[in-house]
């Protein structure tokens, strides 16, 4: 069974309470998360004990912090290939066979 600690090590982005959090740091001392909610900067910090006590609920993790219970979702970012395969495929397209756009 995967733990939250393992999931955090493998993820690139988090959702916390429905907010996208690109800026987070996870190490042996804590999990620190920052994100913008409109104009407000929100911050959360979780201890190793809180991370270890988190429980899985499907793809989500429920973790109890100092400000109450929070729902985390660990996500992996999609990365574009460094190959130029897309450019080669576009060269073979013939514009004369393309259907006109509806206007």
PDB file of N, CA and C in Angstrom:
ATOM      1  N   UNK A   1       0.842  -1.188   0.000  1.00  0.00           N
ATOM      2  CA  UNK A   1       0.000   0.000   0.000  1.00  0.00           C
ATOM      3  C   UNK A   1       0.879   1.241   0.000  1.00  0.00           C
ATOM      4  N   UNK A   2       0.544   2.178  -0.836  1.00  0.00           N
ATOM      5  CA  UNK A   2       1.298   3.428  -0.951  1.00  0.00           C
ATOM      6  C   UNK A   2       0.974   4.340   0.227  1.00  0.00           C
ATOM      7  N   UNK A   3       1.983   4.999   0.730  1.00  0.00           N
ATOM      8  CA  UNK A   3       1.784   5.983   1.795  1.00  0.00           C
ATOM      9  C   UNK A   3       1.794   7.375   1.183  1.00  0.00           C
ATOM     10  N   UNK A   4       1.317   8.353   1.930  1.00  0.00           N
ATOM     11  CA  UNK A   4       1.351   9.734   1.458  1.00  0.00           C
ATOM     12  C   UNK A   4       2.788  10.163   1.212  1.00  0.00           C
ATOM     13  N   UNK A   5       3.691   9.739   2.050  1.00  0.00           N
ATOM     14  CA  UNK A   5       5.104  10.077   1.873  1.00  0.00           C
ATOM     15  C   UNK A   5       5.611   9.604   0.516  1.00  0.00           C
ATOM     16  N   UNK A   6       5.286   8.385   0.127  1.00  0.00           N
ATOM     17  CA  UNK A   6       5.705   7.853  -1.171  1.00  0.00           C
ATOM     18  C   UNK A   6       5.041   8.629  -2.309  1.00  0.00           C
ATOM     19  N   UNK A   7       3.776   8.945  -2.160  1.00  0.00           N
ATOM     20  CA  UNK A   7       3.057   9.685  -3.198  1.00  0.00           C
ATOM     21  C   UNK A   7       3.648  11.082  -3.379  1.00  0.00           C
ATOM     22  N   UNK A   8       4.034  11.725  -2.284  1.00  0.00           N
ATOM     23  CA  UNK A   8       4.624  13.067  -2.366  1.00  0.00           C
ATOM     24  C   UNK A   8       5.970  13.055  -3.070  1.00  0.00           C
ATOM     25  N   UNK A   9       6.740  12.011  -2.869  1.00  0.00           N
ATOM     26  CA  UNK A   9       8.051  11.915  -3.510  1.00  0.00           C
ATOM     27  C   UNK A   9       7.927  11.757  -5.026  1.00  0.00           C
ATOM     28  N   UNK A  10       6.820  11.212  -5.480  1.00  0.00           N
ATOM     29  CA  UNK A  10       6.640  10.946  -6.908  1.00  0.00           C
ATOM     30  C   UNK A  10       5.827  12.007  -7.635  1.00  0.00           C
ATOM     31  N   UNK A  11       5.275  12.986  -6.933  1.00  0.00           N
ATOM     32  CA  UNK A  11       4.381  13.929  -7.604  1.00  0.00           C
ATOM     33  C   UNK A  11       5.073  15.256  -7.923  1.00  0.00           C
ATOM     34  N   UNK A  12       4.489  15.969  -8.894  1.00  0.00           N
ATOM     35  CA  UNK A  12       5.002  17.266  -9.329  1.00  0.00           C
ATOM     36  C   UNK A  12       4.106  18.421  -8.894  1.00  0.00           C
ATOM     37  N   UNK A  13       2.861  18.112  -8.589  1.00  0.00           N
ATOM     38  CA  UNK A  13       1.889  19.142  -8.246  1.00  0.00           C
ATOM     39  C   UNK A  13       0.881  18.556  -7.275  1.00  0.00           C
ATOM     40  N   UNK A  14       0.312  19.414  -6.446  1.00  0.00           N
ATOM     41  CA  UNK A  14      -0.708  18.996  -5.482  1.00  0.00           C
ATOM     42  C   UNK A  14      -1.977  19.794  -5.687  1.00  0.00           C
ATOM     43  N   UNK A  15      -3.073  19.182  -5.353  1.00  0.00           N
ATOM     44  CA  UNK A  15      -4.315  19.906  -5.119  1.00  0.00           C
ATOM     45  C   UNK A  15      -4.525  19.843  -3.621  1.00  0.00           C
ATOM     46  N   UNK A  16      -4.771  20.975  -3.000  1.00  0.00           N
ATOM     47  CA  UNK A  16      -5.111  20.987  -1.587  1.00  0.00           C
ATOM     48  C   UNK A  16      -6.434  21.724  -1.450  1.00  0.00           C
ATOM     49  N   UNK A  17      -7.407  21.019  -0.964  1.00  0.00           N
ATOM     50  CA  UNK A  17      -8.760  21.561  -0.820  1.00  0.00           C
ATOM     51  C   UNK A  17      -9.256  22.177  -2.125  1.00  0.00           C
ATOM     52  N   UNK A  18      -8.910  21.533  -3.258  1.00  0.00           N
ATOM     53  CA  UNK A  18      -9.356  21.991  -4.571  1.00  0.00           C
ATOM     54  C   UNK A  18      -8.507  23.076  -5.204  1.00  0.00           C
ATOM     55  N   UNK A  19      -7.468  23.544  -4.533  1.00  0.00           N
ATOM     56  CA  UNK A  19      -6.591  24.591  -5.068  1.00  0.00           C
ATOM     57  C   UNK A  19      -5.330  23.961  -5.645  1.00  0.00           C
ATOM     58  N   UNK A  20      -4.905  24.415  -6.815  1.00  0.00           N
ATOM     59  CA  UNK A  20      -3.680  23.918  -7.435  1.00  0.00           C
ATOM     60  C   UNK A  20      -2.474  24.504  -6.717  1.00  0.00           C
ATOM     61  N   UNK A  21      -1.594  23.631  -6.258  1.00  0.00           N
ATOM     62  CA  UNK A  21      -0.399  24.064  -5.531  1.00  0.00           C
ATOM     63  C   UNK A  21       0.841  23.565  -6.270  1.00  0.00           C
ATOM     64  N   UNK A  22       1.438  24.457  -7.071  1.00  0.00           N
ATOM     65  CA  UNK A  22       2.659  24.111  -7.786  1.00  0.00           C
ATOM     66  C   UNK A  22       3.874  24.278  -6.888  1.00  0.00           C
ATOM     67  N   UNK A  23       3.738  25.135  -5.881  1.00  0.00           N
ATOM     68  CA  UNK A  23       4.869  25.468  -5.016  1.00  0.00           C
ATOM     69  C   UNK A  23       4.740  24.722  -3.702  1.00  0.00           C
ATOM     70  N   UNK A  24       5.401  23.576  -3.630  1.00  0.00           N
ATOM     71  CA  UNK A  24       5.419  22.829  -2.381  1.00  0.00           C
ATOM     72  C   UNK A  24       6.786  22.209  -2.191  1.00  0.00           C
ATOM     73  N   UNK A  25       7.140  22.011  -0.936  1.00  0.00           N
ATOM     74  CA  UNK A  25       8.421  21.402  -0.586  1.00  0.00           C
ATOM     75  C   UNK A  25       8.158  20.271   0.387  1.00  0.00           C
ATOM     76  N   UNK A  26       8.699  19.108   0.051  1.00  0.00           N
ATOM     77  CA  UNK A  26       8.566  17.957   0.937  1.00  0.00           C
ATOM     78  C   UNK A  26       9.959  17.417   1.223  1.00  0.00           C
ATOM     79  N   UNK A  27      10.288  17.326   2.509  1.00  0.00           N
ATOM     80  CA  UNK A  27      11.543  16.713   2.934  1.00  0.00           C
ATOM     81  C   UNK A  27      11.298  16.001   4.259  1.00  0.00           C
ATOM     82  N   UNK A  28      12.366  15.557   4.909  1.00  0.00           N
ATOM     83  CA  UNK A  28      12.221  14.803   6.156  1.00  0.00           C
ATOM     84  C   UNK A  28      11.632  15.617   7.296  1.00  0.00           C
ATOM     85  N   UNK A  29      11.726  16.942   7.201  1.00  0.00           N
ATOM     86  CA  UNK A  29      11.269  17.771   8.315  1.00  0.00           C
ATOM     87  C   UNK A  29       9.813  18.212   8.206  1.00  0.00           C
ATOM     88  N   UNK A  30       9.276  18.315   6.964  1.00  0.00           N
ATOM     89  CA  UNK A  30       7.886  18.772   6.829  1.00  0.00           C
ATOM     90  C   UNK A  30       7.442  18.797   5.374  1.00  0.00           C
ATOM     91  N   UNK A  31       6.159  19.046   5.197  1.00  0.00           N
ATOM     92  CA  UNK A  31       5.564  19.350   3.899  1.00  0.00           C
ATOM     93  C   UNK A  31       5.081  20.784   3.996  1.00  0.00           C
ATOM     94  N   UNK A  32       5.594  21.640   3.118  1.00  0.00           N
ATOM     95  CA  UNK A  32       5.200  23.052   3.097  1.00  0.00           C
ATOM     96  C   UNK A  32       4.567  23.353   1.747  1.00  0.00           C
ATOM     97  N   UNK A  33       3.388  23.950   1.790  1.00  0.00           N
ATOM     98  CA  UNK A  33       2.625  24.223   0.572  1.00  0.00           C
ATOM     99  C   UNK A  33       2.252  25.698   0.554  1.00  0.00           C
ATOM    100  N   UNK A  34       2.396  26.328  -0.623  1.00  0.00           N
ATOM    101  CA  UNK A  34       1.939  27.699  -0.834  1.00  0.00           C
ATOM    102  C   UNK A  34       1.153  27.749  -2.132  1.00  0.00           C
ATOM    103  N   UNK A  35       0.059  28.494  -2.139  1.00  0.00           N
ATOM    104  CA  UNK A  35      -0.668  28.726  -3.381  1.00  0.00           C
ATOM    105  C   UNK A  35      -1.526  29.974  -3.234  1.00  0.00           C
ATOM    106  N   UNK A  36      -1.917  30.525  -4.364  1.00  0.00           N
ATOM    107  CA  UNK A  36      -2.753  31.709  -4.386  1.00  0.00           C
ATOM    108  C   UNK A  36      -4.216  31.294  -4.515  1.00  0.00           C
ATOM    109  N   UNK A  37      -5.046  31.908  -3.698  1.00  0.00           N
ATOM    110  CA  UNK A  37      -6.492  31.739  -3.773  1.00  0.00           C
ATOM    111  C   UNK A  37      -7.046  33.122  -4.050  1.00  0.00           C
ATOM    112  N   UNK A  38      -7.213  33.421  -5.350  1.00  0.00           N
ATOM    113  CA  UNK A  38      -7.550  34.792  -5.721  1.00  0.00           C
ATOM    114  C   UNK A  38      -6.340  35.681  -5.458  1.00  0.00           C
ATOM    115  N   UNK A  39      -6.493  36.644  -4.566  1.00  0.00           N
ATOM    116  CA  UNK A  39      -5.377  37.524  -4.202  1.00  0.00           C
ATOM    117  C   UNK A  39      -4.717  37.122  -2.894  1.00  0.00           C
ATOM    118  N   UNK A  40      -5.242  36.100  -2.263  1.00  0.00           N
ATOM    119  CA  UNK A  40      -4.724  35.683  -0.956  1.00  0.00           C
ATOM    120  C   UNK A  40      -3.710  34.554  -1.102  1.00  0.00           C
ATOM    121  N   UNK A  41      -2.543  34.742  -0.485  1.00  0.00           N
ATOM    122  CA  UNK A  41      -1.530  33.690  -0.439  1.00  0.00           C
ATOM    123  C   UNK A  41      -1.867  32.779   0.727  1.00  0.00           C
ATOM    124  N   UNK A  42      -2.033  31.503   0.428  1.00  0.00           N
ATOM    125  CA  UNK A  42      -2.346  30.532   1.480  1.00  0.00           C
ATOM    126  C   UNK A  42      -1.136  29.654   1.703  1.00  0.00           C
ATOM    127  N   UNK A  43      -0.901  29.315   2.988  1.00  0.00           N
ATOM    128  CA  UNK A  43       0.233  28.473   3.360  1.00  0.00           C
ATOM    129  C   UNK A  43      -0.229  27.385   4.314  1.00  0.00           C
ATOM    130  N   UNK A  44       0.334  26.188   4.111  1.00  0.00           N
ATOM    131  CA  UNK A  44       0.092  25.068   5.001  1.00  0.00           C
ATOM    132  C   UNK A  44       1.429  24.419   5.315  1.00  0.00           C
ATOM    133  N   UNK A  45       1.565  23.918   6.522  1.00  0.00           N
ATOM    134  CA  UNK A  45       2.739  23.145   6.917  1.00  0.00           C
ATOM    135  C   UNK A  45       2.257  21.908   7.669  1.00  0.00           C
ATOM    136  N   UNK A  46       2.812  20.760   7.282  1.00  0.00           N
ATOM    137  CA  UNK A  46       2.451  19.499   7.916  1.00  0.00           C
ATOM    138  C   UNK A  46       3.720  18.821   8.426  1.00  0.00           C
ATOM    139  N   UNK A  47       3.637  18.274   9.610  1.00  0.00           N
ATOM    140  CA  UNK A  47       4.766  17.589  10.240  1.00  0.00           C
ATOM    141  C   UNK A  47       4.863  16.157   9.713  1.00  0.00           C
ATOM    142  N   UNK A  48       6.003  15.504   9.919  1.00  0.00           N
ATOM    143  CA  UNK A  48       6.119  14.099   9.519  1.00  0.00           C
ATOM    144  C   UNK A  48       5.067  13.208  10.194  1.00  0.00           C
ATOM    145  N   UNK A  49       4.720  13.514  11.429  1.00  0.00           N
ATOM    146  CA  UNK A  49       3.702  12.734  12.136  1.00  0.00           C
ATOM    147  C   UNK A  49       2.332  12.897  11.472  1.00  0.00           C
ATOM    148  N   UNK A  50       1.993  14.117  11.049  1.00  0.00           N
ATOM    149  CA  UNK A  50       0.718  14.356  10.376  1.00  0.00           C
ATOM    150  C   UNK A  50       0.686  13.655   9.013  1.00  0.00           C
ATOM    151  N   UNK A  51       1.820  13.659   8.314  1.00  0.00           N
ATOM    152  CA  UNK A  51       1.904  12.987   7.015  1.00  0.00           C
ATOM    153  C   UNK A  51       1.736  11.480   7.192  1.00  0.00           C
ATOM    154  N   UNK A  52       2.390  10.927   8.207  1.00  0.00           N
ATOM    155  CA  UNK A  52       2.287   9.485   8.464  1.00  0.00           C
ATOM    156  C   UNK A  52       0.872   9.082   8.862  1.00  0.00           C
ATOM    157  N   UNK A  53       0.140   9.991   9.503  1.00  0.00           N
ATOM    158  CA  UNK A  53      -1.220   9.689   9.954  1.00  0.00           C
ATOM    159  C   UNK A  53      -2.275   9.924   8.871  1.00  0.00           C
ATOM    160  N   UNK A  54      -1.880  10.491   7.721  1.00  0.00           N
ATOM    161  CA  UNK A  54      -2.841  10.753   6.640  1.00  0.00           C
ATOM    162  C   UNK A  54      -3.429   9.445   6.153  1.00  0.00           C
ATOM    163  N   UNK A  55      -4.684   9.497   5.760  1.00  0.00           N
ATOM    164  CA  UNK A  55      -5.333   8.285   5.278  1.00  0.00           C
ATOM    165  C   UNK A  55      -5.831   8.478   3.851  1.00  0.00           C
ATOM    166  N   UNK A  56      -5.695   7.409   3.096  1.00  0.00           N
ATOM    167  CA  UNK A  56      -6.103   7.431   1.688  1.00  0.00           C
ATOM    168  C   UNK A  56      -7.607   7.282   1.589  1.00  0.00           C
ATOM    169  N   UNK A  57      -8.161   8.008   0.628  1.00  0.00           N
ATOM    170  CA  UNK A  57      -9.584   7.891   0.305  1.00  0.00           C
ATOM    171  C   UNK A  57      -9.677   7.931  -1.214  1.00  0.00           C
ATOM    172  N   UNK A  58      -9.564   6.769  -1.832  1.00  0.00           N
ATOM    173  CA  UNK A  58      -9.484   6.706  -3.296  1.00  0.00           C
ATOM    174  C   UNK A  58      -8.145   7.272  -3.742  1.00  0.00           C
ATOM    175  N   UNK A  59      -8.174   8.262  -4.636  1.00  0.00           N
ATOM    176  CA  UNK A  59      -6.960   8.924  -5.110  1.00  0.00           C
ATOM    177  C   UNK A  59      -6.565  10.100  -4.207  1.00  0.00           C
ATOM    178  N   UNK A  60      -7.416  10.438  -3.259  1.00  0.00           N
ATOM    179  CA  UNK A  60      -7.188  11.575  -2.367  1.00  0.00           C
ATOM    180  C   UNK A  60      -6.543  11.124  -1.066  1.00  0.00           C
ATOM    181  N   UNK A  61      -5.955  12.081  -0.370  1.00  0.00           N
ATOM    182  CA  UNK A  61      -5.402  11.849   0.963  1.00  0.00           C
ATOM    183  C   UNK A  61      -6.031  12.842   1.911  1.00  0.00           C
ATOM    184  N   UNK A  62      -6.506  12.370   3.033  1.00  0.00           N
ATOM    185  CA  UNK A  62      -7.044  13.242   4.069  1.00  0.00           C
ATOM    186  C   UNK A  62      -5.972  13.397   5.135  1.00  0.00           C
ATOM    187  N   UNK A  63      -5.616  14.643   5.410  1.00  0.00           N
ATOM    188  CA  UNK A  63      -4.559  14.927   6.369  1.00  0.00           C
ATOM    189  C   UNK A  63      -5.068  15.988   7.333  1.00  0.00           C
ATOM    190  N   UNK A  64      -4.783  15.780   8.603  1.00  0.00           N
ATOM    191  CA  UNK A  64      -5.220  16.735   9.624  1.00  0.00           C
ATOM    192  C   UNK A  64      -4.034  17.599  10.006  1.00  0.00           C
ATOM    193  N   UNK A  65      -4.197  18.897   9.810  1.00  0.00           N
ATOM    194  CA  UNK A  65      -3.168  19.878  10.156  1.00  0.00           C
ATOM    195  C   UNK A  65      -3.629  20.744  11.304  1.00  0.00           C
ATOM    196  N   UNK A  66      -2.865  21.772  11.594  1.00  0.00           N
ATOM    197  CA  UNK A  66      -3.210  22.681  12.689  1.00  0.00           C
ATOM    198  C   UNK A  66      -4.518  23.425  12.442  1.00  0.00           C
ATOM    199  N   UNK A  67      -4.887  23.608  11.169  1.00  0.00           N
ATOM    200  CA  UNK A  67      -6.115  24.344  10.853  1.00  0.00           C
ATOM    201  C   UNK A  67      -7.276  23.430  10.495  1.00  0.00           C
ATOM    202  N   UNK A  68      -7.155  22.137  10.772  1.00  0.00           N
ATOM    203  CA  UNK A  68      -8.244  21.200  10.495  1.00  0.00           C
ATOM    204  C   UNK A  68      -7.865  20.178   9.445  1.00  0.00           C
ATOM    205  N   UNK A  69      -8.880  19.503   8.910  1.00  0.00           N
ATOM    206  CA  UNK A  69      -8.650  18.443   7.923  1.00  0.00           C
ATOM    207  C   UNK A  69      -8.571  19.032   6.519  1.00  0.00           C
ATOM    208  N   UNK A  70      -7.641  18.500   5.722  1.00  0.00           N
ATOM    209  CA  UNK A  70      -7.450  18.960   4.349  1.00  0.00           C
ATOM    210  C   UNK A  70      -7.414  17.760   3.427  1.00  0.00           C
ATOM    211  N   UNK A  71      -7.832  17.991   2.185  1.00  0.00           N
ATOM    212  CA  UNK A  71      -7.835  16.945   1.165  1.00  0.00           C
ATOM    213  C   UNK A  71      -6.715  17.239   0.181  1.00  0.00           C
ATOM    214  N   UNK A  72      -5.771  16.290   0.053  1.00  0.00           N
ATOM    215  CA  UNK A  72      -4.657  16.415  -0.885  1.00  0.00           C
ATOM    216  C   UNK A  72      -4.844  15.441  -2.031  1.00  0.00           C
ATOM    217  N   UNK A  73      -4.485  15.882  -3.218  1.00  0.00           N
ATOM    218  CA  UNK A  73      -4.430  15.015  -4.386  1.00  0.00           C
ATOM    219  C   UNK A  73      -3.052  15.215  -5.002  1.00  0.00           C
ATOM    220  N   UNK A  74      -2.299  14.138  -5.138  1.00  0.00           N
ATOM    221  CA  UNK A  74      -0.955  14.189  -5.725  1.00  0.00           C
ATOM    222  C   UNK A  74      -1.073  13.975  -7.227  1.00  0.00           C
ATOM    223  N   UNK A  75      -0.480  14.889  -8.002  1.00  0.00           N
ATOM    224  CA  UNK A  75      -0.564  14.830  -9.463  1.00  0.00           C
ATOM    225  C   UNK A  75       0.825  14.816 -10.072  1.00  0.00           C
ATOM    226  N   UNK A  76       0.935  14.186 -11.222  1.00  0.00           N
ATOM    227  CA  UNK A  76       2.173  14.218 -11.994  1.00  0.00           C
ATOM    228  C   UNK A  76       1.950  15.121 -13.192  1.00  0.00           C
ATOM    229  N   UNK A  77       2.887  16.006 -13.433  1.00  0.00           N
ATOM    230  CA  UNK A  77       2.772  16.938 -14.555  1.00  0.00           C
ATOM    231  C   UNK A  77       3.034  16.211 -15.858  1.00  0.00           C
ATOM    232  N   UNK A  78       2.365  16.645 -16.911  1.00  0.00           N
ATOM    233  CA  UNK A  78       2.628  16.118 -18.245  1.00  0.00           C
ATOM    234  C   UNK A  78       3.803  16.884 -18.827  1.00  0.00           C
ATOM    235  N   UNK A  79       4.693  16.181 -19.433  1.00  0.00           N
ATOM    236  CA  UNK A  79       5.871  16.821 -20.035  1.00  0.00           C
ATOM    237  C   UNK A  79       5.891  16.508 -21.524  1.00  0.00           C
ATOM    238  N   UNK A  80       6.203  17.530 -22.304  1.00  0.00           N
ATOM    239  CA  UNK A  80       6.316  17.347 -23.748  1.00  0.00           C
ATOM    240  C   UNK A  80       7.598  16.594 -24.066  1.00  0.00           C
ATOM    241  N   UNK A  81       7.539  15.805 -25.086  1.00  0.00           N
ATOM    242  CA  UNK A  81       8.709  15.066 -25.529  1.00  0.00           C
ATOM    243  C   UNK A  81       9.722  16.028 -26.133  1.00  0.00           C
ATOM    244  N   UNK A  82      10.983  15.727 -25.967  1.00  0.00           N
ATOM    245  CA  UNK A  82      12.019  16.562 -26.557  1.00  0.00           C
ATOM    246  C   UNK A  82      12.252  16.199 -28.020  1.00  0.00           C
ATOM    247  N   UNK A  83      11.648  15.127 -28.485  1.00  0.00           N
ATOM    248  CA  UNK A  83      11.769  14.730 -29.887  1.00  0.00           C
ATOM    249  C   UNK A  83      10.950  15.674 -30.746  1.00  0.00           C
ATOM    250  N   UNK A  84      11.326  15.789 -32.001  1.00  0.00           N
ATOM    251  CA  UNK A  84      10.598  16.657 -32.928  1.00  0.00           C
ATOM    252  C   UNK A  84       9.586  15.880 -33.744  1.00  0.00           C
ATOM    253  N   UNK A  85       8.999  14.848 -33.172  1.00  0.00           N
ATOM    254  CA  UNK A  85       8.054  14.018 -33.903  1.00  0.00           C
ATOM    255  C   UNK A  85       6.849  14.807 -34.385  1.00  0.00           C
ATOM    256  N   UNK A  86       6.369  15.753 -33.593  1.00  0.00           N
ATOM    257  CA  UNK A  86       5.205  16.543 -33.967  1.00  0.00           C
ATOM    258  C   UNK A  86       5.446  17.365 -35.217  1.00  0.00           C
ATOM    259  N   UNK A  87       6.675  17.903 -35.392  1.00  0.00           N
ATOM    260  CA  UNK A  87       6.989  18.712 -36.560  1.00  0.00           C
ATOM    261  C   UNK A  87       6.969  17.880 -37.830  1.00  0.00           C
ATOM    262  N   UNK A  88       7.480  16.650 -37.766  1.00  0.00           N
ATOM    263  CA  UNK A  88       7.511  15.782 -38.932  1.00  0.00           C
ATOM    264  C   UNK A  88       6.110  15.406 -39.364  1.00  0.00           C
ATOM    265  N   UNK A  89       5.217  15.170 -38.413  1.00  0.00           N
ATOM    266  CA  UNK A  89       3.843  14.792 -38.752  1.00  0.00           C
ATOM    267  C   UNK A  89       3.116  15.946 -39.430  1.00  0.00           C
ATOM    268  N   UNK A  90       3.403  17.178 -39.016  1.00  0.00           N
ATOM    269  CA  UNK A  90       2.738  18.341 -39.595  1.00  0.00           C
ATOM    270  C   UNK A  90       3.170  18.581 -41.035  1.00  0.00           C
ATOM    271  N   UNK A  91       4.415  18.217 -41.397  1.00  0.00           N
ATOM    272  CA  UNK A  91       4.922  18.461 -42.743  1.00  0.00           C
ATOM    273  C   UNK A  91       4.152  17.663 -43.781  1.00  0.00           C
ATOM    274  N   UNK A  92       3.612  16.525 -43.424  1.00  0.00           N
ATOM    275  CA  UNK A  92       2.913  15.679 -44.381  1.00  0.00           C
ATOM    276  C   UNK A  92       1.472  16.099 -44.622  1.00  0.00           C
ATOM    277  N   UNK A  93       0.937  17.029 -43.836  1.00  0.00           N
ATOM    278  CA  UNK A  93      -0.447  17.457 -44.012  1.00  0.00           C
ATOM    279  C   UNK A  93      -0.588  18.280 -45.288  1.00  0.00           C
ATOM    280  N   UNK A  94      -1.619  18.012 -46.036  1.00  0.00           N
ATOM    281  CA  UNK A  94      -1.896  18.760 -47.257  1.00  0.00           C
ATOM    282  C   UNK A  94      -3.089  19.658 -46.973  1.00  0.00           C
ATOM    283  N   UNK A  95      -2.879  20.970 -47.080  1.00  0.00           N
ATOM    284  CA  UNK A  95      -3.943  21.914 -46.748  1.00  0.00           C
ATOM    285  C   UNK A  95      -5.120  21.802 -47.699  1.00  0.00           C
ATOM    286  N   UNK A  96      -4.896  21.308 -48.914  1.00  0.00           N
ATOM    287  CA  UNK A  96      -6.003  21.224 -49.880  1.00  0.00           C
ATOM    288  C   UNK A  96      -7.020  20.165 -49.466  1.00  0.00           C
ATOM    289  N   UNK A  97      -6.646  19.215 -48.623  1.00  0.00           N
ATOM    290  CA  UNK A  97      -7.589  18.195 -48.189  1.00  0.00           C
ATOM    291  C   UNK A  97      -8.278  18.560 -46.887  1.00  0.00           C
ATOM    292  N   UNK A  98      -7.859  19.638 -46.259  1.00  0.00           N
ATOM    293  CA  UNK A  98      -8.467  20.051 -45.009  1.00  0.00           C
ATOM    294  C   UNK A  98      -9.836  20.647 -45.270  1.00  0.00           C
ATOM    295  N   UNK A  99     -10.784  20.371 -44.376  1.00  0.00           N
ATOM    296  CA  UNK A  99     -12.115  20.919 -44.520  1.00  0.00           C
ATOM    297  C   UNK A  99     -12.124  22.352 -44.039  1.00  0.00           C
ATOM    298  N   UNK A 100     -12.896  23.220 -44.704  1.00  0.00           N
ATOM    299  CA  UNK A 100     -12.949  24.618 -44.274  1.00  0.00           C
ATOM    300  C   UNK A 100     -13.666  24.744 -42.939  1.00  0.00           C
ATOM    301  N   UNK A 101     -13.287  25.759 -42.184  1.00  0.00           N
ATOM    302  CA  UNK A 101     -13.910  26.013 -40.887  1.00  0.00           C
ATOM    303  C   UNK A 101     -15.307  26.564 -41.100  1.00  0.00           C
ATOM    304  N   UNK A 102     -16.237  26.195 -40.221  1.00  0.00           N
ATOM    305  CA  UNK A 102     -17.591  26.760 -40.275  1.00  0.00           C
ATOM    306  C   UNK A 102     -17.525  28.230 -39.888  1.00  0.00           C
ATOM    307  N   UNK A 103     -18.226  29.056 -40.639  1.00  0.00           N
ATOM    308  CA  UNK A 103     -18.222  30.499 -40.336  1.00  0.00           C
ATOM    309  C   UNK A 103     -19.613  30.982 -40.126  1.00  0.00           C
TER     310      UNK A 103
END
